[in-house]
Amino acid sequence: MKAGDLIQLSDGPMQFYDLPTGIAILAEKLPRDDFLEYDWNMFVDGKFIVLGRLIEDPSTKVLNESRRFSKTK
Protein backbone atom coordinates (compact mmCIF):
# COMPACT_ATOMS: atom_id res chain seq x y z
CA MET A 1 0.00 0.00 0.00
CA LYS A 2 1.11 3.54 -0.65
CA ALA A 3 -0.02 7.12 -0.12
CA GLY A 4 -2.96 7.92 -2.35
CA ASP A 5 -4.49 4.42 -2.28
CA LEU A 6 -8.22 4.22 -1.59
CA ILE A 7 -9.08 1.39 0.82
CA GLN A 8 -12.06 -0.09 2.66
CA LEU A 9 -11.42 -0.33 6.41
CA SER A 10 -12.51 -3.38 8.37
CA ASP A 11 -15.38 -3.33 10.87
CA GLY A 12 -13.12 -2.79 13.92
CA PRO A 13 -11.84 0.70 13.04
CA MET A 14 -15.23 1.64 11.59
CA GLN A 15 -16.97 0.89 14.88
CA PHE A 16 -14.23 2.38 17.08
CA TYR A 17 -14.17 5.71 15.19
CA ASP A 18 -17.90 5.63 14.34
CA LEU A 19 -17.25 5.81 10.60
CA PRO A 20 -20.28 5.45 8.33
CA THR A 21 -18.48 4.30 5.15
CA GLY A 22 -14.97 3.30 6.21
CA ILE A 23 -13.57 4.29 2.82
CA ALA A 24 -10.18 5.87 3.41
CA ILE A 25 -7.48 7.60 1.40
CA LEU A 26 -4.00 6.83 2.71
CA ALA A 27 -2.29 10.18 3.25
CA GLU A 28 1.15 9.44 4.68
CA LYS A 29 3.25 7.06 6.71
CA LEU A 30 4.06 8.37 10.17
CA PRO A 31 7.33 7.05 11.63
CA ARG A 32 7.38 5.34 15.02
CA ASP A 33 10.25 4.75 17.42
CA ASP A 34 9.42 1.12 18.15
CA PHE A 35 9.44 -2.19 16.31
CA LEU A 36 6.15 -1.42 14.52
CA GLU A 37 8.05 1.04 12.27
CA TYR A 38 5.17 3.29 11.13
CA ASP A 39 1.47 4.18 11.30
CA TRP A 40 -0.82 5.42 8.54
CA ASN A 41 -2.42 8.87 8.59
CA MET A 42 -5.57 8.64 6.49
CA PHE A 43 -8.58 10.71 5.50
CA VAL A 44 -11.86 8.89 6.07
CA ASP A 45 -15.44 10.11 6.31
CA GLY A 46 -14.46 13.77 6.59
CA LYS A 47 -11.66 13.47 9.16
CA PHE A 48 -8.08 12.35 9.57
CA ILE A 49 -7.34 9.31 11.72
CA VAL A 50 -4.18 7.34 12.44
CA LEU A 51 -4.10 3.54 12.32
CA GLY A 52 -1.24 1.09 12.60
CA ARG A 53 0.32 -0.76 9.74
CA LEU A 54 -1.94 -3.73 10.46
CA ILE A 55 -4.29 -2.21 7.89
CA GLU A 56 -1.83 -3.59 5.32
CA ASP A 57 -3.19 -7.06 6.03
CA PRO A 58 -3.87 -8.97 2.80
CA SER A 59 -7.58 -9.02 3.63
CA THR A 60 -7.80 -5.21 3.40
CA LYS A 61 -9.64 -4.33 0.22
CA VAL A 62 -7.83 -1.79 -2.00
CA LEU A 63 -10.56 -0.02 -3.95
CA ASN A 64 -8.30 2.07 -6.15
CA GLU A 65 -4.50 2.13 -6.30
CA SER A 66 -2.76 5.47 -6.58
CA ARG A 67 -0.82 5.87 -9.79
CA ARG A 68 0.89 8.98 -8.52
CA PHE A 69 4.20 7.22 -7.85
CA SER A 70 4.10 4.59 -10.56
CA LYS A 71 6.90 4.44 -13.09
CA THR A 72 6.16 4.70 -16.78
CA LYS A 73 8.13 2.90 -19.46
PDB file of N, CA and C in Angstrom:
ATOM      1  N   MET A   1       0.847  -1.176   0.000  1.00  0.00           N
ATOM      2  CA  MET A   1       0.000   0.000   0.000  1.00  0.00           C
ATOM      3  C   MET A   1       0.889   1.234   0.000  1.00  0.00           C
ATOM      4  N   LYS A   2       0.347   2.292  -0.585  1.00  0.00           N
ATOM      5  CA  LYS A   2       1.115   3.540  -0.648  1.00  0.00           C
ATOM      6  C   LYS A   2       0.176   4.737  -0.526  1.00  0.00           C
ATOM      7  N   ALA A   3       0.768   5.881  -0.234  1.00  0.00           N
ATOM      8  CA  ALA A   3      -0.019   7.117  -0.116  1.00  0.00           C
ATOM      9  C   ALA A   3      -0.826   7.323  -1.393  1.00  0.00           C
ATOM     10  N   GLY A   4      -2.077   7.681  -1.215  1.00  0.00           N
ATOM     11  CA  GLY A   4      -2.963   7.921  -2.345  1.00  0.00           C
ATOM     12  C   GLY A   4      -3.904   6.758  -2.630  1.00  0.00           C
ATOM     13  N   ASP A   5      -3.602   5.577  -2.080  1.00  0.00           N
ATOM     14  CA  ASP A   5      -4.488   4.423  -2.282  1.00  0.00           C
ATOM     15  C   ASP A   5      -5.816   4.646  -1.565  1.00  0.00           C
ATOM     16  N   LEU A   6      -6.875   4.171  -2.161  1.00  0.00           N
ATOM     17  CA  LEU A   6      -8.221   4.223  -1.586  1.00  0.00           C
ATOM     18  C   LEU A   6      -8.538   2.819  -1.080  1.00  0.00           C
ATOM     19  N   ILE A   7      -8.842   2.706   0.229  1.00  0.00           N
ATOM     20  CA  ILE A   7      -9.078   1.387   0.816  1.00  0.00           C
ATOM     21  C   ILE A   7     -10.405   1.349   1.568  1.00  0.00           C
ATOM     22  N   GLN A   8     -10.884   0.139   1.820  1.00  0.00           N
ATOM     23  CA  GLN A   8     -12.061  -0.088   2.656  1.00  0.00           C
ATOM     24  C   GLN A   8     -11.578  -0.629   3.990  1.00  0.00           C
ATOM     25  N   LEU A   9     -11.829   0.110   5.081  1.00  0.00           N
ATOM     26  CA  LEU A   9     -11.419  -0.331   6.411  1.00  0.00           C
ATOM     27  C   LEU A   9     -12.297  -1.483   6.888  1.00  0.00           C
ATOM     28  N   SER A  10     -11.750  -2.275   7.789  1.00  0.00           N
ATOM     29  CA  SER A  10     -12.508  -3.380   8.374  1.00  0.00           C
ATOM     30  C   SER A  10     -13.494  -2.842   9.416  1.00  0.00           C
ATOM     31  N   ASP A  11     -14.338  -3.721   9.920  1.00  0.00           N
ATOM     32  CA  ASP A  11     -15.378  -3.326  10.872  1.00  0.00           C
ATOM     33  C   ASP A  11     -14.822  -2.750  12.174  1.00  0.00           C
ATOM     34  N   GLY A  12     -13.688  -3.258  12.645  1.00  0.00           N
ATOM     35  CA  GLY A  12     -13.118  -2.787  13.915  1.00  0.00           C
ATOM     36  C   GLY A  12     -12.883  -1.285  13.957  1.00  0.00           C
ATOM     37  N   PRO A  13     -12.058  -0.739  13.049  1.00  0.00           N
ATOM     38  CA  PRO A  13     -11.843   0.704  13.043  1.00  0.00           C
ATOM     39  C   PRO A  13     -13.120   1.500  12.746  1.00  0.00           C
ATOM     40  N   MET A  14     -13.985   0.938  11.911  1.00  0.00           N
ATOM     41  CA  MET A  14     -15.234   1.640  11.588  1.00  0.00           C
ATOM     42  C   MET A  14     -16.081   1.823  12.846  1.00  0.00           C
ATOM     43  N   GLN A  15     -16.179   0.787  13.662  1.00  0.00           N
ATOM     44  CA  GLN A  15     -16.972   0.887  14.882  1.00  0.00           C
ATOM     45  C   GLN A  15     -16.276   1.768  15.920  1.00  0.00           C
ATOM     46  N   PHE A  16     -14.968   1.619  16.087  1.00  0.00           N
ATOM     47  CA  PHE A  16     -14.227   2.384  17.083  1.00  0.00           C
ATOM     48  C   PHE A  16     -14.322   3.890  16.823  1.00  0.00           C
ATOM     49  N   TYR A  17     -14.135   4.295  15.558  1.00  0.00           N
ATOM     50  CA  TYR A  17     -14.167   5.713  15.192  1.00  0.00           C
ATOM     51  C   TYR A  17     -15.548   6.183  14.741  1.00  0.00           C
ATOM     52  N   ASP A  18     -16.536   5.304  14.767  1.00  0.00           N
ATOM     53  CA  ASP A  18     -17.900   5.630  14.344  1.00  0.00           C
ATOM     54  C   ASP A  18     -17.912   6.194  12.919  1.00  0.00           C
ATOM     55  N   LEU A  19     -17.372   5.401  11.997  1.00  0.00           N
ATOM     56  CA  LEU A  19     -17.248   5.807  10.596  1.00  0.00           C
ATOM     57  C   LEU A  19     -18.379   5.185   9.778  1.00  0.00           C
ATOM     58  N   PRO A  20     -19.163   5.996   9.088  1.00  0.00           N
ATOM     59  CA  PRO A  20     -20.284   5.447   8.329  1.00  0.00           C
ATOM     60  C   PRO A  20     -19.873   4.617   7.106  1.00  0.00           C
ATOM     61  N   THR A  21     -18.842   5.046   6.365  1.00  0.00           N
ATOM     62  CA  THR A  21     -18.481   4.298   5.152  1.00  0.00           C
ATOM     63  C   THR A  21     -17.211   3.488   5.321  1.00  0.00           C
ATOM     64  N   GLY A  22     -16.237   4.004   6.040  1.00  0.00           N
ATOM     65  CA  GLY A  22     -14.967   3.304   6.210  1.00  0.00           C
ATOM     66  C   GLY A  22     -14.094   3.315   4.978  1.00  0.00           C
ATOM     67  N   ILE A  23     -14.400   4.166   4.024  1.00  0.00           N
ATOM     68  CA  ILE A  23     -13.572   4.290   2.823  1.00  0.00           C
ATOM     69  C   ILE A  23     -12.537   5.371   3.082  1.00  0.00           C
ATOM     70  N   ALA A  24     -11.270   4.985   3.007  1.00  0.00           N
ATOM     71  CA  ALA A  24     -10.178   5.867   3.412  1.00  0.00           C
ATOM     72  C   ALA A  24      -9.187   6.096   2.287  1.00  0.00           C
ATOM     73  N   ILE A  25      -8.595   7.277   2.290  1.00  0.00           N
ATOM     74  CA  ILE A  25      -7.479   7.599   1.400  1.00  0.00           C
ATOM     75  C   ILE A  25      -6.232   7.648   2.271  1.00  0.00           C
ATOM     76  N   LEU A  26      -5.246   6.826   1.955  1.00  0.00           N
ATOM     77  CA  LEU A  26      -4.002   6.829   2.712  1.00  0.00           C
ATOM     78  C   LEU A  26      -3.240   8.116   2.407  1.00  0.00           C
ATOM     79  N   ALA A  27      -2.948   8.891   3.446  1.00  0.00           N
ATOM     80  CA  ALA A  27      -2.293  10.184   3.248  1.00  0.00           C
ATOM     81  C   ALA A  27      -0.775  10.088   3.366  1.00  0.00           C
ATOM     82  N   GLU A  28      -0.295   9.511   4.480  1.00  0.00           N
ATOM     83  CA  GLU A  28       1.154   9.442   4.676  1.00  0.00           C
ATOM     84  C   GLU A  28       1.497   8.423   5.752  1.00  0.00           C
ATOM     85  N   LYS A  29       2.726   7.919   5.667  1.00  0.00           N
ATOM     86  CA  LYS A  29       3.246   7.056   6.709  1.00  0.00           C
ATOM     87  C   LYS A  29       3.855   7.941   7.793  1.00  0.00           C
ATOM     88  N   LEU A  30       3.520   7.638   9.039  1.00  0.00           N
ATOM     89  CA  LEU A  30       4.061   8.369  10.174  1.00  0.00           C
ATOM     90  C   LEU A  30       5.062   7.473  10.893  1.00  0.00           C
ATOM     91  N   PRO A  31       6.314   7.905  10.998  1.00  0.00           N
ATOM     92  CA  PRO A  31       7.327   7.052  11.629  1.00  0.00           C
ATOM     93  C   PRO A  31       7.048   6.830  13.113  1.00  0.00           C
ATOM     94  N   ARG A  32       7.481   5.683  13.607  1.00  0.00           N
ATOM     95  CA  ARG A  32       7.382   5.339  15.022  1.00  0.00           C
ATOM     96  C   ARG A  32       8.773   5.003  15.533  1.00  0.00           C
ATOM     97  N   ASP A  33       8.945   5.058  16.828  1.00  0.00           N
ATOM     98  CA  ASP A  33      10.248   4.754  17.422  1.00  0.00           C
ATOM     99  C   ASP A  33      10.331   3.339  17.978  1.00  0.00           C
ATOM    100  N   ASP A  34       9.381   2.488  17.637  1.00  0.00           N
ATOM    101  CA  ASP A  34       9.415   1.125  18.148  1.00  0.00           C
ATOM    102  C   ASP A  34       9.468   0.120  16.996  1.00  0.00           C
ATOM    103  N   PHE A  35       9.300  -1.135  17.309  1.00  0.00           N
ATOM    104  CA  PHE A  35       9.441  -2.193  16.309  1.00  0.00           C
ATOM    105  C   PHE A  35       8.321  -2.193  15.261  1.00  0.00           C
ATOM    106  N   LEU A  36       7.250  -1.451  15.485  1.00  0.00           N
ATOM    107  CA  LEU A  36       6.147  -1.422  14.525  1.00  0.00           C
ATOM    108  C   LEU A  36       6.425  -0.512  13.325  1.00  0.00           C
ATOM    109  N   GLU A  37       7.506   0.248  13.366  1.00  0.00           N
ATOM    110  CA  GLU A  37       8.046   1.042  12.266  1.00  0.00           C
ATOM    111  C   GLU A  37       7.241   2.280  11.881  1.00  0.00           C
ATOM    112  N   TYR A  38       5.940   2.130  11.573  1.00  0.00           N
ATOM    113  CA  TYR A  38       5.166   3.292  11.134  1.00  0.00           C
ATOM    114  C   TYR A  38       3.671   3.063  11.324  1.00  0.00           C
ATOM    115  N   ASP A  39       2.929   4.169  11.310  1.00  0.00           N
ATOM    116  CA  ASP A  39       1.468   4.176  11.299  1.00  0.00           C
ATOM    117  C   ASP A  39       1.024   4.847  10.008  1.00  0.00           C
ATOM    118  N   TRP A  40      -0.249   4.733   9.704  1.00  0.00           N
ATOM    119  CA  TRP A  40      -0.821   5.419   8.542  1.00  0.00           C
ATOM    120  C   TRP A  40      -1.725   6.559   8.992  1.00  0.00           C
ATOM    121  N   ASN A  41      -1.497   7.753   8.456  1.00  0.00           N
ATOM    122  CA  ASN A  41      -2.421   8.872   8.590  1.00  0.00           C
ATOM    123  C   ASN A  41      -3.328   8.779   7.369  1.00  0.00           C
ATOM    124  N   MET A  42      -4.643   8.806   7.605  1.00  0.00           N
ATOM    125  CA  MET A  42      -5.568   8.644   6.487  1.00  0.00           C
ATOM    126  C   MET A  42      -6.773   9.551   6.645  1.00  0.00           C
ATOM    127  N   PHE A  43      -7.377   9.894   5.528  1.00  0.00           N
ATOM    128  CA  PHE A  43      -8.584  10.713   5.505  1.00  0.00           C
ATOM    129  C   PHE A  43      -9.764   9.793   5.244  1.00  0.00           C
ATOM    130  N   VAL A  44     -10.715   9.791   6.181  1.00  0.00           N
ATOM    131  CA  VAL A  44     -11.857   8.887   6.066  1.00  0.00           C
ATOM    132  C   VAL A  44     -13.099   9.558   6.638  1.00  0.00           C
ATOM    133  N   ASP A  45     -14.159   9.552   5.885  1.00  0.00           N
ATOM    134  CA  ASP A  45     -15.441  10.105   6.310  1.00  0.00           C
ATOM    135  C   ASP A  45     -15.316  11.511   6.895  1.00  0.00           C
ATOM    136  N   GLY A  46     -14.550  12.359   6.229  1.00  0.00           N
ATOM    137  CA  GLY A  46     -14.456  13.771   6.593  1.00  0.00           C
ATOM    138  C   GLY A  46     -13.468  14.117   7.681  1.00  0.00           C
ATOM    139  N   LYS A  47     -12.642  13.156   8.127  1.00  0.00           N
ATOM    140  CA  LYS A  47     -11.665  13.471   9.165  1.00  0.00           C
ATOM    141  C   LYS A  47     -10.408  12.623   8.985  1.00  0.00           C
ATOM    142  N   PHE A  48      -9.326  13.097   9.579  1.00  0.00           N
ATOM    143  CA  PHE A  48      -8.076  12.351   9.568  1.00  0.00           C
ATOM    144  C   PHE A  48      -8.014  11.465  10.797  1.00  0.00           C
ATOM    145  N   ILE A  49      -7.589  10.225  10.611  1.00  0.00           N
ATOM    146  CA  ILE A  49      -7.342   9.313  11.721  1.00  0.00           C
ATOM    147  C   ILE A  49      -6.002   8.629  11.484  1.00  0.00           C
ATOM    148  N   VAL A  50      -5.446   8.063  12.537  1.00  0.00           N
ATOM    149  CA  VAL A  50      -4.183   7.337  12.443  1.00  0.00           C
ATOM    150  C   VAL A  50      -4.423   5.896  12.862  1.00  0.00           C
ATOM    151  N   LEU A  51      -4.002   4.973  12.018  1.00  0.00           N
ATOM    152  CA  LEU A  51      -4.101   3.544  12.316  1.00  0.00           C
ATOM    153  C   LEU A  51      -2.751   2.898  12.065  1.00  0.00           C
ATOM    154  N   GLY A  52      -2.496   1.818  12.753  1.00  0.00           N
ATOM    155  CA  GLY A  52      -1.237   1.092  12.599  1.00  0.00           C
ATOM    156  C   GLY A  52      -1.117   0.400  11.262  1.00  0.00           C
ATOM    157  N   ARG A  53       0.045  -0.108  11.022  1.00  0.00           N
ATOM    158  CA  ARG A  53       0.317  -0.756   9.739  1.00  0.00           C
ATOM    159  C   ARG A  53      -0.404  -2.074   9.571  1.00  0.00           C
ATOM    160  N   LEU A  54      -1.146  -2.502  10.592  1.00  0.00           N
ATOM    161  CA  LEU A  54      -1.936  -3.726  10.459  1.00  0.00           C
ATOM    162  C   LEU A  54      -3.011  -3.605   9.390  1.00  0.00           C
ATOM    163  N   ILE A  55      -3.321  -2.370   8.977  1.00  0.00           N
ATOM    164  CA  ILE A  55      -4.294  -2.214   7.889  1.00  0.00           C
ATOM    165  C   ILE A  55      -3.747  -2.767   6.579  1.00  0.00           C
ATOM    166  N   GLU A  56      -2.442  -3.026   6.531  1.00  0.00           N
ATOM    167  CA  GLU A  56      -1.833  -3.585   5.322  1.00  0.00           C
ATOM    168  C   GLU A  56      -2.036  -5.090   5.217  1.00  0.00           C
ATOM    169  N   ASP A  57      -2.861  -5.648   6.075  1.00  0.00           N
ATOM    170  CA  ASP A  57      -3.189  -7.061   6.033  1.00  0.00           C
ATOM    171  C   ASP A  57      -3.717  -7.410   4.639  1.00  0.00           C
ATOM    172  N   PRO A  58      -3.393  -8.587   4.139  1.00  0.00           N
ATOM    173  CA  PRO A  58      -3.870  -8.974   2.797  1.00  0.00           C
ATOM    174  C   PRO A  58      -5.389  -8.962   2.637  1.00  0.00           C
ATOM    175  N   SER A  59      -6.117  -9.025   3.740  1.00  0.00           N
ATOM    176  CA  SER A  59      -7.578  -9.017   3.634  1.00  0.00           C
ATOM    177  C   SER A  59      -8.155  -7.613   3.443  1.00  0.00           C
ATOM    178  N   THR A  60      -7.333  -6.577   3.625  1.00  0.00           N
ATOM    179  CA  THR A  60      -7.804  -5.209   3.403  1.00  0.00           C
ATOM    180  C   THR A  60      -8.074  -5.010   1.918  1.00  0.00           C
ATOM    181  N   LYS A  61      -9.239  -4.501   1.614  1.00  0.00           N
ATOM    182  CA  LYS A  61      -9.641  -4.326   0.221  1.00  0.00           C
ATOM    183  C   LYS A  61      -9.138  -2.969  -0.299  1.00  0.00           C
ATOM    184  N   VAL A  62      -8.292  -3.008  -1.331  1.00  0.00           N
ATOM    185  CA  VAL A  62      -7.828  -1.793  -2.002  1.00  0.00           C
ATOM    186  C   VAL A  62      -8.834  -1.497  -3.110  1.00  0.00           C
ATOM    187  N   LEU A  63      -9.528  -0.379  -2.982  1.00  0.00           N
ATOM    188  CA  LEU A  63     -10.561  -0.017  -3.953  1.00  0.00           C
ATOM    189  C   LEU A  63      -9.983   0.615  -5.212  1.00  0.00           C
ATOM    190  N   ASN A  64      -8.916   1.396  -5.014  1.00  0.00           N
ATOM    191  CA  ASN A  64      -8.297   2.067  -6.147  1.00  0.00           C
ATOM    192  C   ASN A  64      -6.852   2.379  -5.771  1.00  0.00           C
ATOM    193  N   GLU A  65      -5.901   1.858  -6.560  1.00  0.00           N
ATOM    194  CA  GLU A  65      -4.496   2.131  -6.302  1.00  0.00           C
ATOM    195  C   GLU A  65      -4.103   3.477  -6.876  1.00  0.00           C
ATOM    196  N   SER A  66      -3.298   4.207  -6.093  1.00  0.00           N
ATOM    197  CA  SER A  66      -2.765   5.471  -6.576  1.00  0.00           C
ATOM    198  C   SER A  66      -1.755   5.194  -7.681  1.00  0.00           C
ATOM    199  N   ARG A  67      -1.806   5.993  -8.709  1.00  0.00           N
ATOM    200  CA  ARG A  67      -0.816   5.873  -9.794  1.00  0.00           C
ATOM    201  C   ARG A  67       0.176   7.017  -9.738  1.00  0.00           C
ATOM    202  N   ARG A  68       0.064   7.787  -8.692  1.00  0.00           N
ATOM    203  CA  ARG A  68       0.891   8.982  -8.519  1.00  0.00           C
ATOM    204  C   ARG A  68       2.373   8.659  -8.552  1.00  0.00           C
ATOM    205  N   PHE A  69       2.788   7.549  -7.959  1.00  0.00           N
ATOM    206  CA  PHE A  69       4.205   7.224  -7.852  1.00  0.00           C
ATOM    207  C   PHE A  69       4.619   6.091  -8.778  1.00  0.00           C
ATOM    208  N   SER A  70       3.743   5.698  -9.677  1.00  0.00           N
ATOM    209  CA  SER A  70       4.097   4.585 -10.555  1.00  0.00           C
ATOM    210  C   SER A  70       5.081   5.067 -11.631  1.00  0.00           C
ATOM    211  N   LYS A  71       5.914   4.133 -12.058  1.00  0.00           N
ATOM    212  CA  LYS A  71       6.904   4.445 -13.093  1.00  0.00           C
ATOM    213  C   LYS A  71       6.335   4.111 -14.451  1.00  0.00           C
ATOM    214  N   THR A  72       6.605   4.966 -15.415  1.00  0.00           N
ATOM    215  CA  THR A  72       6.157   4.705 -16.783  1.00  0.00           C
ATOM    216  C   THR A  72       7.336   4.213 -17.597  1.00  0.00           C
ATOM    217  N   LYS A  73       7.045   3.430 -18.604  1.00  0.00           N
ATOM    218  CA  LYS A  73       8.127   2.898 -19.455  1.00  0.00           C
ATOM    219  C   LYS A  73       8.528   3.873 -20.512  1.00  0.00           C
TER     220      LYS A  73
END
